[in-house]
Amino acid sequence: MSFDKFIGPATVVYVVSATVAALWWASDLTRRVQTIEASTVTAERIARLETEVRTLGENTKELKIGISELVHQLKQGN
């Protein structure tokens, strides 16, 4: 049995196809990992923004209460 008969054109085509498929899968895997990392960063940013918005909402309520009290005191003083 010779080496030429063992490695024929079909084997070469198979190896090339498998190599292309593996490279394609690996490049797609890299893209997926980058997408997941980017979405994680985005999720962290969203969580921080939600905290900031909640804090701003609480501060706004405190300001409204303070303004209402000030207006009430000014009305009583006049």
Protein backbone atom coordinates (compact mmCIF):
# COMPACT_ATOMS: atom_id res chain seq x y z
CA MET A 1 0.00 0.00 0.00
CA SER A 2 1.53 3.27 -1.10
CA PHE A 3 1.31 6.62 0.56
CA ASP A 4 -0.31 8.17 -2.56
CA LYS A 5 -3.26 5.79 -2.38
CA PHE A 6 -3.78 6.45 1.34
CA ILE A 7 -3.80 10.27 0.93
CA GLY A 8 -5.93 10.86 -2.12
CA PRO A 9 -7.78 13.92 -3.37
CA ALA A 10 -10.82 13.21 -1.18
CA THR A 11 -8.66 13.16 1.95
CA VAL A 12 -7.00 16.45 0.97
CA VAL A 13 -10.40 18.07 0.31
CA TYR A 14 -11.68 16.76 3.65
CA VAL A 15 -8.66 18.09 5.57
CA VAL A 16 -8.89 21.49 3.88
CA SER A 17 -12.65 21.67 4.53
CA ALA A 18 -12.21 20.70 8.18
CA THR A 19 -9.47 23.30 8.59
CA VAL A 20 -11.62 26.03 7.05
CA ALA A 21 -14.57 25.02 9.22
CA ALA A 22 -12.41 25.04 12.38
CA LEU A 23 -11.00 28.48 11.57
CA TRP A 24 -14.47 29.83 10.83
CA TRP A 25 -15.78 28.45 14.12
CA ALA A 26 -12.82 29.90 16.04
CA SER A 27 -13.27 33.35 14.52
CA ASP A 28 -16.99 33.26 15.29
CA LEU A 29 -16.23 32.16 18.85
CA THR A 30 -13.93 35.17 19.27
CA ARG A 31 -16.70 37.47 18.03
CA ARG A 32 -19.20 35.90 20.43
CA VAL A 33 -16.84 36.32 23.39
CA GLN A 34 -16.27 39.97 22.44
CA THR A 35 -20.04 40.50 22.22
CA ILE A 36 -20.57 38.95 25.65
CA GLU A 37 -17.78 41.06 27.15
CA ALA A 38 -19.23 44.21 25.59
CA SER A 39 -22.73 43.39 26.86
CA THR A 40 -21.33 42.77 30.35
CA VAL A 41 -19.69 46.18 30.32
CA THR A 42 -22.93 47.68 29.05
CA ALA A 43 -24.91 45.95 31.79
CA GLU A 44 -22.52 47.29 34.43
CA ARG A 45 -22.91 50.80 33.03
CA ILE A 46 -26.69 50.47 33.01
CA ALA A 47 -26.66 49.31 36.63
CA ARG A 48 -24.54 52.33 37.62
CA LEU A 49 -26.84 54.67 35.70
CA GLU A 50 -29.90 53.17 37.38
CA THR A 51 -28.29 53.84 40.76
CA GLU A 52 -27.53 57.41 39.76
CA VAL A 53 -31.09 57.95 38.51
CA ARG A 54 -32.50 56.54 41.76
CA THR A 55 -30.24 58.88 43.76
CA LEU A 56 -31.25 61.84 41.62
CA GLY A 57 -34.91 60.95 42.13
CA GLU A 58 -34.47 60.87 45.90
CA ASN A 59 -32.60 64.18 45.85
CA THR A 60 -35.32 65.72 43.69
CA LYS A 61 -37.97 64.63 46.21
CA GLU A 62 -35.94 66.20 49.02
CA LEU A 63 -35.66 69.44 47.03
CA LYS A 64 -39.41 69.49 46.35
CA ILE A 65 -40.12 68.98 50.04
CA GLY A 66 -37.66 71.73 50.96
CA ILE A 67 -39.18 74.14 48.42
CA SER A 68 -42.70 73.33 49.64
CA GLU A 69 -41.67 74.01 53.24
CA LEU A 70 -39.99 77.27 52.21
CA VAL A 71 -43.07 78.40 50.28
CA HIS A 72 -45.27 77.45 53.23
CA GLN A 73 -43.05 79.46 55.63
CA LEU A 74 -43.02 82.45 53.27
CA LYS A 75 -46.83 82.39 53.04
CA GLN A 76 -47.13 82.29 56.84
CA GLY A 77 -44.67 85.16 57.25
CA ASN A 78 -46.63 87.50 54.96
